[in-house]
C-alpha atoms as a PDB file:
ATOM      1  CA  UNK A   1      75.458  84.574  69.411  1.00  0.00           C
ATOM      2  CA  UNK A   2      76.339  84.222  72.940  1.00  0.00           C
ATOM      3  CA  UNK A   3      75.997  82.595  76.926  1.00  0.00           C
ATOM      4  CA  UNK A   4      75.303  84.879  78.975  1.00  0.00           C
ATOM      5  CA  UNK A   5      75.831  82.006  81.871  1.00  0.00           C
ATOM      6  CA  UNK A   6      78.691  79.921  79.901  1.00  0.00           C
ATOM      7  CA  UNK A   7      80.398  78.732  83.403  1.00  0.00           C
ATOM      8  CA  UNK A   8      77.374  75.895  82.715  1.00  0.00           C
ATOM      9  CA  UNK A   9      78.567  75.364  79.814  1.00  0.00           C
ATOM     10  CA  UNK A  10      80.897  72.632  81.371  1.00  0.00           C
ATOM     11  CA  UNK A  11      77.902  69.991  82.251  1.00  0.00           C
ATOM     12  CA  UNK A  12      77.745  69.303  78.115  1.00  0.00           C
ATOM     13  CA  UNK A  13      80.811  66.510  79.362  1.00  0.00           C
ATOM     14  CA  UNK A  14      77.571  64.598  80.810  1.00  0.00           C
ATOM     15  CA  UNK A  15      76.827  64.440  77.223  1.00  0.00           C
ATOM     16  CA  UNK A  16      79.661  62.388  76.513  1.00  0.00           C
ATOM     17  CA  UNK A  17      78.871  60.411  80.106  1.00  0.00           C
ATOM     18  CA  UNK A  18      75.794  59.288  79.192  1.00  0.00           C
ATOM     19  CA  UNK A  19      76.938  58.158  75.601  1.00  0.00           C
ATOM     20  CA  UNK A  20      80.396  56.309  77.025  1.00  0.00           C
ATOM     21  CA  UNK A  21      77.257  54.496  79.565  1.00  0.00           C
ATOM     22  CA  UNK A  22      75.062  53.980  76.693  1.00  0.00           C
ATOM     23  CA  UNK A  23      77.721  52.043  74.805  1.00  0.00           C
ATOM     24  CA  UNK A  24      79.031  50.101  77.962  1.00  0.00           C
ATOM     25  CA  UNK A  25      75.483  49.043  78.567  1.00  0.00           C
ATOM     26  CA  UNK A  26      75.047  47.458  74.932  1.00  0.00           C
ATOM     27  CA  UNK A  27      78.142  46.108  74.870  1.00  0.00           C
ATOM     28  CA  UNK A  28      77.110  44.209  77.695  1.00  0.00           C
ATOM     29  CA  UNK A  29      74.425  42.839  76.557  1.00  0.00           C
ATOM     30  CA  UNK A  30      75.978  41.643  73.359  1.00  0.00           C
ATOM     31  CA  UNK A  31      78.657  39.944  75.544  1.00  0.00           C
ATOM     32  CA  UNK A  32      75.648  38.208  77.627  1.00  0.00           C
ATOM     33  CA  UNK A  33      73.636  37.140  74.398  1.00  0.00           C
ATOM     34  CA  UNK A  34      77.563  35.726  72.574  1.00  0.00           C
ATOM     35  CA  UNK A  35      77.529  33.579  75.442  1.00  0.00           C
ATOM     36  CA  UNK A  36      74.509  31.882  73.580  1.00  0.00           C
ATOM     37  CA  UNK A  37      76.322  30.889  70.392  1.00  0.00           C
ATOM     38  CA  UNK A  38      77.180  32.880  67.665  1.00  0.00           C
ATOM     39  CA  UNK A  39      75.967  36.474  67.963  1.00  0.00           C
ATOM     40  CA  UNK A  40      74.091  36.970  64.155  1.00  0.00           C
ATOM     41  CA  UNK A  41      72.470  33.607  64.592  1.00  0.00           C
ATOM     42  CA  UNK A  42      71.102  34.683  68.204  1.00  0.00           C
ATOM     43  CA  UNK A  43      69.926  38.251  66.786  1.00  0.00           C
ATOM     44  CA  UNK A  44      68.158  36.555  63.959  1.00  0.00           C
ATOM     45  CA  UNK A  45      65.993  34.241  66.399  1.00  0.00           C
ATOM     46  CA  UNK A  46      65.345  37.154  68.762  1.00  0.00           C
ATOM     47  CA  UNK A  47      64.790  39.674  65.908  1.00  0.00           C
ATOM     48  CA  UNK A  48      62.714  41.911  68.383  1.00  0.00           C
ATOM     49  CA  UNK A  49      66.246  42.722  69.579  1.00  0.00           C
ATOM     50  CA  UNK A  50      67.550  46.057  68.199  1.00  0.00           C
ATOM     51  CA  UNK A  51      70.867  46.985  69.845  1.00  0.00           C
ATOM     52  CA  UNK A  52      70.307  50.065  67.486  1.00  0.00           C
ATOM     53  CA  UNK A  53      67.337  51.104  68.622  1.00  0.00           C
ATOM     54  CA  UNK A  54      69.108  51.124  72.613  1.00  0.00           C
ATOM     55  CA  UNK A  55      71.764  53.360  71.641  1.00  0.00           C
ATOM     56  CA  UNK A  56      69.170  55.262  69.370  1.00  0.00           C
ATOM     57  CA  UNK A  57      67.473  55.928  72.659  1.00  0.00           C
ATOM     58  CA  UNK A  58      70.741  56.796  75.098  1.00  0.00           C
ATOM     59  CA  UNK A  59      72.316  58.771  71.993  1.00  0.00           C
ATOM     60  CA  UNK A  60      68.452  60.795  72.164  1.00  0.00           C
ATOM     61  CA  UNK A  61      69.165  61.134  75.523  1.00  0.00           C
ATOM     62  CA  UNK A  62      72.705  62.338  75.314  1.00  0.00           C
ATOM     63  CA  UNK A  63      71.258  64.979  73.024  1.00  0.00           C
ATOM     64  CA  UNK A  64      68.777  66.234  74.511  1.00  0.00           C
ATOM     65  CA  UNK A  65      71.383  66.745  77.804  1.00  0.00           C
ATOM     66  CA  UNK A  66      73.190  69.318  75.470  1.00  0.00           C
ATOM     67  CA  UNK A  67      70.251  71.325  74.434  1.00  0.00           C
ATOM     68  CA  UNK A  68      68.942  72.014  77.991  1.00  0.00           C
ATOM     69  CA  UNK A  69      72.484  72.574  78.882  1.00  0.00           C
ATOM     70  CA  UNK A  70      72.799  75.537  76.081  1.00  0.00           C
ATOM     71  CA  UNK A  71      69.106  76.921  77.733  1.00  0.00           C
ATOM     72  CA  UNK A  72      70.988  76.502  81.275  1.00  0.00           C
ATOM     73  CA  UNK A  73      73.725  78.577  80.008  1.00  0.00           C
ATOM     74  CA  UNK A  74      71.275  81.329  78.787  1.00  0.00           C
ATOM     75  CA  UNK A  75      72.011  81.094  74.771  1.00  0.00           C
ATOM     76  CA  UNK A  76      71.146  84.724  73.375  1.00  0.00           C
ATOM     77  CA  UNK A  77      71.115  85.859  69.788  1.00  0.00           C
ATOM     78  CA  UNK A  78      70.219  88.973  68.620  1.00  0.00           C
ATOM     79  CA  UNK A  79      70.716  92.193  69.865  1.00  0.00           C
ATOM     80  CA  UNK A  80      68.579  95.761  70.250  1.00  0.00           C
ATOM     81  CA  UNK A  81      70.051  99.271  72.084  1.00  0.00           C
ATOM     82  CA  UNK A  82      68.751 100.247  75.488  1.00  0.00           C
ATOM     83  CA  UNK A  83      69.253 103.388  77.066  1.00  0.00           C
ATOM     84  CA  UNK A  84      70.375 102.705  80.905  1.00  0.00           C
ATOM     85  CA  UNK A  85      69.168 104.854  83.546  1.00  0.00           C
ATOM     86  CA  UNK A  86      70.513 104.644  87.101  1.00  0.00           C
ATOM     87  CA  UNK A  87      68.965 107.199  89.774  1.00  0.00           C
ATOM     88  CA  UNK A  88      69.756 108.449  92.937  1.00  0.00           C
ATOM     89  CA  UNK A  89      71.240 111.054  95.421  1.00  0.00           C
ATOM     90  CA  UNK A  90      74.726 112.367  95.976  1.00  0.00           C
ATOM     91  CA  UNK A  91      75.703 111.444  99.687  1.00  0.00           C
ATOM     92  CA  UNK A  92      79.158 112.610 101.303  1.00  0.00           C
ATOM     93  CA  UNK A  93      80.357 110.888 104.306  1.00  0.00           C
ATOM     94  CA  UNK A  94      82.494 113.014 106.364  1.00  0.00           C
ATOM     95  CA  UNK A  95      84.948 111.371 108.741  1.00  0.00           C
ATOM     96  CA  UNK A  96      86.452 112.274 111.833  1.00  0.00           C
ATOM     97  CA  UNK A  97      90.053 111.530 111.792  1.00  0.00           C
ATOM     98  CA  UNK A  98      91.370 113.513 114.936  1.00  0.00           C
ATOM     99  CA  UNK A  99      93.483 111.975 117.819  1.00  0.00           C
ATOM    100  CA  UNK A 100      90.459 111.734 119.901  1.00  0.00           C
ATOM    101  CA  UNK A 101      89.136 109.172 117.802  1.00  0.00           C
ATOM    102  CA  UNK A 102      91.513 106.620 119.323  1.00  0.00           C
ATOM    103  CA  UNK A 103      89.738 106.571 122.483  1.00  0.00           C
ATOM    104  CA  UNK A 104      88.612 102.953 123.170  1.00  0.00           C
ATOM    105  CA  UNK A 105      85.265 103.366 124.673  1.00  0.00           C
ATOM    106  CA  UNK A 106      83.885 101.908 121.438  1.00  0.00           C
ATOM    107  CA  UNK A 107      86.180  98.647 120.442  1.00  0.00           C
ATOM    108  CA  UNK A 108      88.896  98.449 119.081  1.00  0.00           C
ATOM    109  CA  UNK A 109      88.710 102.119 119.338  1.00  0.00           C
ATOM    110  CA  UNK A 110      86.406 105.202 117.606  1.00  0.00           C
ATOM    111  CA  UNK A 111      87.909 105.408 114.483  1.00  0.00           C
ATOM    112  CA  UNK A 112      88.039 101.687 113.653  1.00  0.00           C
ATOM    113  CA  UNK A 113      83.955 101.891 114.571  1.00  0.00           C
ATOM    114  CA  UNK A 114      83.661 105.341 112.199  1.00  0.00           C
ATOM    115  CA  UNK A 115      85.208 102.817 109.529  1.00  0.00           C
ATOM    116  CA  UNK A 116      83.263  99.988 109.985  1.00  0.00           C
ATOM    117  CA  UNK A 117      80.019 102.081 109.840  1.00  0.00           C
ATOM    118  CA  UNK A 118      81.462 103.941 106.773  1.00  0.00           C
ATOM    119  CA  UNK A 119      81.930 100.487 105.093  1.00  0.00           C
ATOM    120  CA  UNK A 120      78.549  99.564 105.994  1.00  0.00           C
ATOM    121  CA  UNK A 121      77.047 102.608 104.355  1.00  0.00           C
ATOM    122  CA  UNK A 122      79.001 101.977 101.016  1.00  0.00           C
ATOM    123  CA  UNK A 123      77.673  98.035 100.849  1.00  0.00           C
ATOM    124  CA  UNK A 124      74.152  99.552 101.299  1.00  0.00           C
ATOM    125  CA  UNK A 125      74.232 101.918  98.413  1.00  0.00           C
ATOM    126  CA  UNK A 126      72.674 101.146  95.219  1.00  0.00           C
ATOM    127  CA  UNK A 127      73.055 103.988  92.455  1.00  0.00           C
ATOM    128  CA  UNK A 128      73.799 106.540  95.179  1.00  0.00           C
ATOM    129  CA  UNK A 129      76.916 108.865  94.625  1.00  0.00           C
ATOM    130  CA  UNK A 130      79.127 108.690  97.273  1.00  0.00           C
ATOM    131  CA  UNK A 131      82.405 111.177  98.659  1.00  0.00           C
ATOM    132  CA  UNK A 132      84.514 110.855 101.585  1.00  0.00           C
ATOM    133  CA  UNK A 133      85.388 113.693 103.734  1.00  0.00           C
ATOM    134  CA  UNK A 134      88.143 113.335 106.468  1.00  0.00           C
ATOM    135  CA  UNK A 135      88.748 116.060 109.141  1.00  0.00           C
ATOM    136  CA  UNK A 136      90.468 117.243 112.513  1.00  0.00           C
ATOM    137  CA  UNK A 137      92.036 120.562 112.439  1.00  0.00           C
ATOM    138  CA  UNK A 138      91.097 120.750 109.339  1.00  0.00           C
ATOM    139  CA  UNK A 139      89.019 119.238 106.633  1.00  0.00           C
ATOM    140  CA  UNK A 140      89.420 117.883 102.855  1.00  0.00           C
ATOM    141  CA  UNK A 141      87.787 115.654 100.276  1.00  0.00           C
ATOM    142  CA  UNK A 142      89.225 112.591 100.492  1.00  0.00           C
ATOM    143  CA  UNK A 143      87.358 110.928  97.714  1.00  0.00           C
ATOM    144  CA  UNK A 144      85.187 113.210  95.202  1.00  0.00           C
ATOM    145  CA  UNK A 145      81.380 111.893  94.031  1.00  0.00           C
ATOM    146  CA  UNK A 146      81.670 108.885  92.809  1.00  0.00           C
ATOM    147  CA  UNK A 147      79.207 106.183  91.730  1.00  0.00           C
ATOM    148  CA  UNK A 148      82.905 103.816  91.708  1.00  0.00           C
ATOM    149  CA  UNK A 149      82.376 101.818  95.243  1.00  0.00           C
ATOM    150  CA  UNK A 150      85.267  99.915  95.026  1.00  0.00           C
ATOM    151  CA  UNK A 151      87.835 103.325  94.690  1.00  0.00           C
ATOM    152  CA  UNK A 152      85.486 104.352  98.121  1.00  0.00           C
ATOM    153  CA  UNK A 153      86.623 101.609  99.792  1.00  0.00           C
ATOM    154  CA  UNK A 154      90.277 101.862  98.809  1.00  0.00           C
ATOM    155  CA  UNK A 155      89.965 105.329  99.871  1.00  0.00           C
ATOM    156  CA  UNK A 156      87.986 104.757 103.136  1.00  0.00           C
ATOM    157  CA  UNK A 157      91.292 102.182 103.809  1.00  0.00           C
ATOM    158  CA  UNK A 158      93.674 105.393 104.055  1.00  0.00           C
ATOM    159  CA  UNK A 159      91.637 107.145 106.816  1.00  0.00           C
ATOM    160  CA  UNK A 160      94.093 107.292 110.259  1.00  0.00           C
ATOM    161  CA  UNK A 161      94.578 109.858 112.693  1.00  0.00           C
ATOM    162  CA  UNK A 162      97.579 110.434 111.413  1.00  0.00           C
ATOM    163  CA  UNK A 163      96.052 111.553 107.701  1.00  0.00           C
ATOM    164  CA  UNK A 164      95.547 115.005 108.500  1.00  0.00           C
ATOM    165  CA  UNK A 165      98.936 117.008 110.945  1.00  0.00           C
ATOM    166  CA  UNK A 166      97.041 119.329 112.589  1.00  0.00           C
ATOM    167  CA  UNK A 167      95.019 118.392 115.145  1.00  0.00           C
ATOM    168  CA  UNK A 168      91.791 119.360 116.981  1.00  0.00           C
ATOM    169  CA  UNK A 169      88.200 118.402 115.509  1.00  0.00           C
ATOM    170  CA  UNK A 170      86.955 121.168 113.232  1.00  0.00           C
ATOM    171  CA  UNK A 171      83.351 120.040 112.735  1.00  0.00           C
ATOM    172  CA  UNK A 172      81.909 123.362 111.093  1.00  0.00           C
ATOM    173  CA  UNK A 173      84.792 123.664 108.387  1.00  0.00           C
ATOM    174  CA  UNK A 174      83.918 119.648 107.546  1.00  0.00           C
ATOM    175  CA  UNK A 175      80.475 120.641 106.922  1.00  0.00           C
ATOM    176  CA  UNK A 176      81.581 123.644 104.967  1.00  0.00           C
ATOM    177  CA  UNK A 177      84.008 121.267 102.764  1.00  0.00           C
ATOM    178  CA  UNK A 178      81.585 118.494 101.859  1.00  0.00           C
ATOM    179  CA  UNK A 179      78.844 121.752 101.002  1.00  0.00           C
ATOM    180  CA  UNK A 180      81.078 122.942  98.766  1.00  0.00           C
ATOM    181  CA  UNK A 181      81.698 119.304  97.106  1.00  0.00           C
ATOM    182  CA  UNK A 182      78.248 119.178  96.309  1.00  0.00           C
ATOM    183  CA  UNK A 183      76.985 120.343  92.733  1.00  0.00           C
ATOM    184  CA  UNK A 184      76.108 123.711  93.442  1.00  0.00           C
ATOM    185  CA  UNK A 185      73.302 124.443  90.938  1.00  0.00           C
ATOM    186  CA  UNK A 186      71.475 121.971  92.815  1.00  0.00           C
ATOM    187  CA  UNK A 187      69.549 122.238  96.190  1.00  0.00           C
ATOM    188  CA  UNK A 188      67.982 118.983  96.675  1.00  0.00           C
ATOM    189  CA  UNK A 189      69.496 115.577  96.433  1.00  0.00           C
ATOM    190  CA  UNK A 190      71.976 115.650  98.648  1.00  0.00           C
ATOM    191  CA  UNK A 191      72.463 114.244 102.275  1.00  0.00           C
ATOM    192  CA  UNK A 192      75.688 114.516 104.592  1.00  0.00           C
ATOM    193  CA  UNK A 193      76.128 111.706 107.102  1.00  0.00           C
ATOM    194  CA  UNK A 194      78.647 113.030 110.081  1.00  0.00           C
ATOM    195  CA  UNK A 195      80.785 110.705 111.911  1.00  0.00           C
ATOM    196  CA  UNK A 196      82.723 112.524 115.116  1.00  0.00           C
ATOM    197  CA  UNK A 197      82.616 112.483 118.607  1.00  0.00           C
ATOM    198  CA  UNK A 198      81.264 116.198 118.763  1.00  0.00           C
ATOM    199  CA  UNK A 199      84.106 118.143 120.586  1.00  0.00           C
ATOM    200  CA  UNK A 200      84.116 121.039 117.921  1.00  0.00           C
ATOM    201  CA  UNK A 201      86.790 123.476 118.301  1.00  0.00           C
ATOM    202  CA  UNK A 202      85.697 126.901 117.747  1.00  0.00           C
ATOM    203  CA  UNK A 203      84.780 126.503 114.236  1.00  0.00           C
ATOM    204  CA  UNK A 204      81.082 127.758 114.531  1.00  0.00           C
ATOM    205  CA  UNK A 205      79.405 123.592 113.275  1.00  0.00           C
ATOM    206  CA  UNK A 206      76.055 124.917 113.742  1.00  0.00           C
ATOM    207  CA  UNK A 207      76.366 128.262 111.680  1.00  0.00           C
ATOM    208  CA  UNK A 208      78.025 126.042 109.186  1.00  0.00           C
ATOM    209  CA  UNK A 209      74.835 123.198 109.116  1.00  0.00           C
ATOM    210  CA  UNK A 210      72.542 126.552 108.860  1.00  0.00           C
ATOM    211  CA  UNK A 211      74.351 127.457 105.243  1.00  0.00           C
ATOM    212  CA  UNK A 212      74.787 123.586 104.335  1.00  0.00           C
ATOM    213  CA  UNK A 213      70.724 123.770 105.039  1.00  0.00           C
ATOM    214  CA  UNK A 214      70.549 126.764 102.396  1.00  0.00           C
ATOM    215  CA  UNK A 215      72.558 124.864  99.611  1.00  0.00           C
ATOM    216  CA  UNK A 216      69.857 121.749 100.486  1.00  0.00           C
ATOM    217  CA  UNK A 217      71.959 119.925 102.504  1.00  0.00           C
ATOM    218  CA  UNK A 218      70.449 117.203 104.837  1.00  0.00           C
ATOM    219  CA  UNK A 219      72.725 116.354 107.406  1.00  0.00           C
ATOM    220  CA  UNK A 220      72.704 112.874 109.254  1.00  0.00           C
ATOM    221  CA  UNK A 221      74.905 113.180 112.478  1.00  0.00           C
ATOM    222  CA  UNK A 222      76.462 109.766 114.600  1.00  0.00           C
ATOM    223  CA  UNK A 223      77.824 110.472 117.449  1.00  0.00           C
ATOM    224  CA  UNK A 224      81.096 108.000 118.026  1.00  0.00           C
ATOM    225  CA  UNK A 225      82.073 107.051 121.761  1.00  0.00           C
ATOM    226  CA  UNK A 226      80.184 107.545 124.833  1.00  0.00           C
ATOM    227  CA  UNK A 227      79.192 110.852 127.111  1.00  0.00           C
ATOM    228  CA  UNK A 228      81.204 109.412 129.913  1.00  0.00           C
ATOM    229  CA  UNK A 229      84.181 110.079 128.574  1.00  0.00           C
ATOM    230  CA  UNK A 230      88.004 107.719 127.798  1.00  0.00           C
ATOM    231  CA  UNK A 231      91.166 108.697 127.971  1.00  0.00           C
ATOM    232  CA  UNK A 232      93.059 109.012 124.762  1.00  0.00           C
ATOM    233  CA  UNK A 233      95.770 106.344 124.647  1.00  0.00           C
ATOM    234  CA  UNK A 234      99.090 107.519 122.811  1.00  0.00           C
ATOM    235  CA  UNK A 235     101.154 104.838 121.401  1.00  0.00           C
ATOM    236  CA  UNK A 236     105.039 104.842 120.392  1.00  0.00           C
ATOM    237  CA  UNK A 237     106.247 104.098 116.852  1.00  0.00           C
ATOM    238  CA  UNK A 238     105.823 100.343 116.795  1.00  0.00           C
ATOM    239  CA  UNK A 239     102.281 100.347 118.047  1.00  0.00           C
ATOM    240  CA  UNK A 240     102.855  99.511 121.468  1.00  0.00           C
ATOM    241  CA  UNK A 241     100.214 101.770 124.200  1.00  0.00           C
ATOM    242  CA  UNK A 242     103.125 103.954 126.329  1.00  0.00           C
ATOM    243  CA  UNK A 243     100.336 106.088 128.430  1.00  0.00           C
ATOM    244  CA  UNK A 244      97.591 108.440 127.725  1.00  0.00           C
ATOM    245  CA  UNK A 245      97.456 111.738 126.312  1.00  0.00           C
ATOM    246  CA  UNK A 246      98.157 114.596 128.676  1.00  0.00           C
ATOM    247  CA  UNK A 247      97.324 118.323 128.671  1.00  0.00           C
ATOM    248  CA  UNK A 248     100.048 121.295 129.620  1.00  0.00           C
ATOM    249  CA  UNK A 249      99.470 120.268 133.232  1.00  0.00           C
ATOM    250  CA  UNK A 250     100.231 116.932 133.213  1.00  0.00           C
ATOM    251  CA  UNK A 251      96.351 115.726 133.517  1.00  0.00           C
ATOM    252  CA  UNK A 252      95.310 113.119 131.232  1.00  0.00           C
ATOM    253  CA  UNK A 253      92.941 113.961 128.839  1.00  0.00           C
ATOM    254  CA  UNK A 254      89.122 112.579 128.626  1.00  0.00           C
ATOM    255  CA  UNK A 255      87.340 112.716 125.493  1.00  0.00           C
ATOM    256  CA  UNK A 256      83.576 112.913 125.454  1.00  0.00           C
ATOM    257  CA  UNK A 257      80.812 112.423 123.185  1.00  0.00           C
ATOM    258  CA  UNK A 258      78.964 115.752 122.720  1.00  0.00           C
ATOM    259  CA  UNK A 259      75.662 114.522 121.663  1.00  0.00           C
ATOM    260  CA  UNK A 260      74.186 118.556 121.995  1.00  0.00           C
ATOM    261  CA  UNK A 261      76.058 119.708 119.301  1.00  0.00           C
ATOM    262  CA  UNK A 262      75.663 116.763 117.263  1.00  0.00           C
ATOM    263  CA  UNK A 263      71.561 116.508 117.610  1.00  0.00           C
ATOM    264  CA  UNK A 264      71.533 120.239 117.120  1.00  0.00           C
ATOM    265  CA  UNK A 265      73.258 120.374 113.427  1.00  0.00           C
ATOM    266  CA  UNK A 266      71.065 117.823 112.532  1.00  0.00           C
ATOM    267  CA  UNK A 267      67.761 119.346 113.294  1.00  0.00           C
ATOM    268  CA  UNK A 268      68.965 122.454 111.702  1.00  0.00           C
ATOM    269  CA  UNK A 269      69.247 120.583 108.537  1.00  0.00           C
ATOM    270  CA  UNK A 270      66.096 118.580 108.788  1.00  0.00           C
ATOM    271  CA  UNK A 271      68.275 115.480 109.543  1.00  0.00           C
ATOM    272  CA  UNK A 272      68.367 113.052 112.414  1.00  0.00           C
ATOM    273  CA  UNK A 273      70.913 112.546 114.923  1.00  0.00           C
ATOM    274  CA  UNK A 274      72.053 109.006 116.431  1.00  0.00           C
ATOM    275  CA  UNK A 275      74.464 107.449 118.540  1.00  0.00           C
ATOM    276  CA  UNK A 276      76.613 104.371 117.282  1.00  0.00           C
ATOM    277  CA  UNK A 277      75.482 101.430 118.439  1.00  0.00           C
ATOM    278  CA  UNK A 278      77.617  97.805 118.049  1.00  0.00           C
ATOM    279  CA  UNK A 279      74.147  96.543 116.027  1.00  0.00           C
ATOM    280  CA  UNK A 280      74.822  99.288 113.652  1.00  0.00           C
ATOM    281  CA  UNK A 281      70.904  99.855 113.963  1.00  0.00           C
ATOM    282  CA  UNK A 282      71.722 104.230 113.730  1.00  0.00           C
ATOM    283  CA  UNK A 283      72.495 103.176 109.670  1.00  0.00           C
ATOM    284  CA  UNK A 284      69.606 100.889 109.109  1.00  0.00           C
ATOM    285  CA  UNK A 285      67.326 104.160 110.010  1.00  0.00           C
ATOM    286  CA  UNK A 286      69.620 106.795 108.243  1.00  0.00           C
ATOM    287  CA  UNK A 287      69.698 104.618 104.876  1.00  0.00           C
ATOM    288  CA  UNK A 288      66.045 104.285 105.229  1.00  0.00           C
ATOM    289  CA  UNK A 289      65.516 108.244 105.528  1.00  0.00           C
ATOM    290  CA  UNK A 290      68.186 108.261 102.375  1.00  0.00           C
ATOM    291  CA  UNK A 291      66.160 105.988 100.340  1.00  0.00           C
ATOM    292  CA  UNK A 292      62.776 108.373 100.598  1.00  0.00           C
ATOM    293  CA  UNK A 293      64.977 111.019  99.711  1.00  0.00           C
ATOM    294  CA  UNK A 294      64.100 112.665  96.004  1.00  0.00           C
ATOM    295  CA  UNK A 295      66.350 111.172  93.570  1.00  0.00           C
ATOM    296  CA  UNK A 296      67.583 112.175  90.157  1.00  0.00           C
ATOM    297  CA  UNK A 297      69.444 110.997  87.133  1.00  0.00           C
ATOM    298  CA  UNK A 298      72.879 110.348  88.053  1.00  0.00           C
ATOM    299  CA  UNK A 299      73.500 108.468  84.372  1.00  0.00           C
ATOM    300  CA  UNK A 300      72.612 107.328  81.633  1.00  0.00           C
ATOM    301  CA  UNK A 301      73.893 104.965  78.787  1.00  0.00           C
ATOM    302  CA  UNK A 302      73.418 103.649  75.311  1.00  0.00           C
ATOM    303  CA  UNK A 303      74.062  99.661  76.377  1.00  0.00           C
ATOM    304  CA  UNK A 304      74.145  96.785  73.884  1.00  0.00           C
ATOM    305  CA  UNK A 305      71.814  94.145  75.294  1.00  0.00           C
ATOM    306  CA  UNK A 306      71.550  90.567  73.760  1.00  0.00           C
ATOM    307  CA  UNK A 307      68.002  89.055  72.990  1.00  0.00           C
ATOM    308  CA  UNK A 308      67.040  85.754  75.368  1.00  0.00           C
ATOM    309  CA  UNK A 309      66.683  82.991  73.111  1.00  0.00           C
ATOM    310  CA  UNK A 310      67.169  79.914  75.684  1.00  0.00           C
ATOM    311  CA  UNK A 311      63.664  78.959  75.088  1.00  0.00           C
ATOM    312  CA  UNK A 312      64.751  77.481  72.178  1.00  0.00           C
ATOM    313  CA  UNK A 313      67.230  75.094  72.767  1.00  0.00           C
ATOM    314  CA  UNK A 314      65.090  73.779  76.163  1.00  0.00           C
ATOM    315  CA  UNK A 315      61.983  73.667  73.737  1.00  0.00           C
ATOM    316  CA  UNK A 316      64.486  71.048  71.622  1.00  0.00           C
ATOM    317  CA  UNK A 317      65.093  69.198  74.277  1.00  0.00           C
ATOM    318  CA  UNK A 318      61.918  68.742  75.568  1.00  0.00           C
ATOM    319  CA  UNK A 319      60.668  67.328  72.578  1.00  0.00           C
ATOM    320  CA  UNK A 320      63.832  64.960  71.844  1.00  0.00           C
ATOM    321  CA  UNK A 321      62.883  63.903  75.608  1.00  0.00           C
ATOM    322  CA  UNK A 322      59.120  63.073  74.600  1.00  0.00           C
ATOM    323  CA  UNK A 323      60.883  61.411  71.634  1.00  0.00           C
ATOM    324  CA  UNK A 324      63.049  59.310  73.229  1.00  0.00           C
ATOM    325  CA  UNK A 325      60.422  58.082  75.673  1.00  0.00           C
ATOM    326  CA  UNK A 326      57.855  57.192  72.521  1.00  0.00           C
ATOM    327  CA  UNK A 327      60.489  55.404  71.147  1.00  0.00           C
ATOM    328  CA  UNK A 328      60.622  51.660  72.054  1.00  0.00           C
ATOM    329  CA  UNK A 329      64.101  49.599  72.553  1.00  0.00           C
ATOM    330  CA  UNK A 330      62.658  46.432  70.558  1.00  0.00           C
ATOM    331  CA  UNK A 331      61.508  46.139  66.951  1.00  0.00           C
ATOM    332  CA  UNK A 332      58.197  45.142  65.802  1.00  0.00           C
ATOM    333  CA  UNK A 333      59.373  41.811  63.739  1.00  0.00           C
ATOM    334  CA  UNK A 334      58.031  38.241  64.877  1.00  0.00           C
ATOM    335  CA  UNK A 335      60.501  36.172  66.558  1.00  0.00           C
ATOM    336  CA  UNK A 336      61.425  32.495  64.129  1.00  0.00           C
ATOM    337  CA  UNK A 337      62.305  30.691  66.602  1.00  0.00           C
ATOM    338  CA  UNK A 338      61.554  30.790  70.474  1.00  0.00           C
ATOM    339  CA  UNK A 339      65.039  30.208  72.791  1.00  0.00           C
ATOM    340  CA  UNK A 340      63.467  29.264  75.901  1.00  0.00           C
ATOM    341  CA  UNK A 341      64.993  30.633  79.329  1.00  0.00           C
ATOM    342  CA  UNK A 342      67.498  33.078  78.218  1.00  0.00           C
ATOM    343  CA  UNK A 343      69.076  35.010  80.807  1.00  0.00           C
ATOM    344  CA  UNK A 344      70.527  38.358  80.014  1.00  0.00           C
END
């Protein structure tokens, strides 16, 4: 026996309050009648008055409250075994953590925007496994495929531009690492979301996307940044900006969103390309596409389920309220003598 919503049991105090209120009301009535003389003599002349019935009606209301609260708390009794199956897809999100992601054409910067998008992806998942890949000049699996969304969020919080010492943007390597992180035996149920500014540094991302398609991976790319370009801020050890990144000739480096490459990567695998927007409408579209993919059984567990029996106390509570409604406060006996104009 247990209560699924045990927090509602605190409402049992209401029945105690009802009993206290009934006791106070009966006491007030007795004191009012006692002003006319000895209470026992007064009650003998007013035989129809029954404090026991009045108290009994209040006690019935309190008792009905107890059973209604037990019903509200989802009284459960008895168990049965049930196989819980979870279906979904395997989803890996690859995030660019190179220095160019510090550009501020998306506020507060590209990397913060990418992390926000990944957080939105995690929050929208229901039954799908998720993994995280971080990449800059090289790529590695930051979080393997898991159903533990809280753990994935903890790994996401560790993403920053110092995570990978080797700078650059190795999109092709990120796709290859993500593809290998999926189960190789399956050729379905796999999707990769790529968040980057698209400035690849010679890692053959189109060829990597072609290999991913052969492995059954569908890629959805999200462009982070603007095609117009933005300089890359440089900060000191205290986090204060001290200027912008410059090349070996002393010229300020401008990083631009390469939409053409990201669009080609997505189309190569049957996916789609979206540019990141403040309203994150692209997330809704991508997750709607992913929801339409064929799902597989990811997990099956034999669980003990408790039987709901809240109907029993609810029925008893209603019956007690009906009894209280039909019960009169007065007895059926005749009065031996009338006491005129008694005010209670």
